[in-house]
Protein backbone atom coordinates (compact mmCIF):
# COMPACT_ATOMS: atom_id res chain seq x y z
CA MET A 1 -40.31 -9.65 -4.79
CA THR A 2 -37.74 -6.95 -5.55
CA LEU A 3 -37.35 -5.81 -9.13
CA ILE A 4 -34.01 -4.46 -10.33
CA THR A 5 -33.47 -2.73 -13.66
CA ILE A 6 -29.93 -2.86 -15.02
CA PRO A 7 -29.03 -0.28 -17.69
CA LYS A 8 -27.88 -1.95 -20.91
CA GLU A 9 -24.64 0.08 -20.91
CA LEU A 10 -23.57 -1.47 -17.61
CA ALA A 11 -24.64 -4.98 -18.53
CA GLN A 12 -22.84 -4.93 -21.89
CA LYS A 13 -19.56 -3.49 -20.57
CA GLY A 14 -19.34 -5.90 -17.67
CA ASP A 15 -19.16 -2.95 -15.23
CA LEU A 16 -21.72 -4.41 -12.86
CA ALA A 17 -21.05 -6.45 -9.73
CA LEU A 18 -23.62 -7.80 -7.31
CA VAL A 19 -22.28 -8.02 -3.75
CA PRO A 20 -24.16 -8.75 -0.54
CA ARG A 21 -24.59 -5.64 1.62
CA LYS A 22 -22.48 -6.94 4.53
CA GLU A 23 -19.55 -7.69 2.21
CA TYR A 24 -19.89 -4.24 0.63
CA GLU A 25 -19.89 -2.58 4.05
CA GLU A 26 -16.72 -4.51 5.00
CA PHE A 27 -15.13 -3.34 1.74
CA LEU A 28 -15.99 0.28 2.55
CA LYS A 29 -14.05 -0.01 5.82
CA PHE A 30 -10.87 -0.62 3.82
CA LYS A 31 -11.34 2.63 1.93
CA LYS A 32 -10.91 4.48 5.22
CA ILE A 33 -7.42 3.03 5.76
CA ARG A 34 -4.78 5.57 4.79
CA GLU A 35 -2.11 4.50 2.36
CA PHE A 36 1.55 4.70 3.30
CA THR A 37 3.44 7.36 1.34
CA PRO A 38 7.20 6.98 1.68
CA THR A 39 9.47 9.98 2.07
CA ILE A 40 12.21 10.69 -0.47
CA ALA A 41 14.80 9.18 1.90
CA GLU A 42 12.67 6.04 2.30
CA ARG A 43 12.30 5.71 -1.48
CA LYS A 44 16.08 5.98 -1.90
CA ALA A 45 16.66 3.39 0.83
CA LEU A 46 14.16 1.04 -0.81
CA ALA A 47 15.83 1.46 -4.21
CA LYS A 48 19.23 0.69 -2.64
CA ALA A 49 17.80 -2.36 -0.88
CA ARG A 50 16.40 -3.65 -4.18
CA ARG A 51 19.76 -3.16 -5.91
CA ASP A 52 21.54 -4.96 -3.09
CA PHE A 53 19.06 -7.82 -3.28
CA GLN A 54 19.57 -8.18 -7.03
CA LYS A 55 23.34 -8.30 -6.48
CA GLY A 56 22.90 -10.99 -3.81
CA ASN A 57 23.96 -8.68 -0.97
CA PHE A 58 21.57 -9.88 1.71
CA LEU A 59 21.25 -12.26 4.65
CA THR A 60 18.63 -14.96 4.99
CA LEU A 61 16.71 -15.13 8.25
CA GLU A 62 18.66 -18.25 9.15
CA GLN A 63 21.99 -16.47 8.59
CA LEU A 64 20.86 -13.49 10.65
CA ASP A 65 19.67 -15.77 13.44
CA ARG A 66 23.04 -17.57 13.55
CA PHE A 67 24.90 -14.24 13.52
CA LEU A 68 22.84 -12.89 16.40
CA ALA A 69 23.19 -16.12 18.37
CA ARG A 70 27.00 -15.92 18.05
CA ARG A 71 26.97 -12.32 19.31
CA ARG A 72 24.91 -13.31 22.37
CA THR A 73 27.35 -16.03 23.36
CA SER A 74 30.45 -13.85 22.89
């Protein structure tokens, strides 16, 4: 039988999680994935896209599909 001692500080704060080793190893793989850091231009484009969306200036996928279908037949 394995005996584990948990410090009272961890047990009282709720800072302790018990996870099976395989799940923990899978989690560690995600830490190796680099995060995407947008450039200044990409941040500006995203801000503009959000403003446009709030104003209702956007196409649904269905509208885009119809638009593209019309262009193919023309």
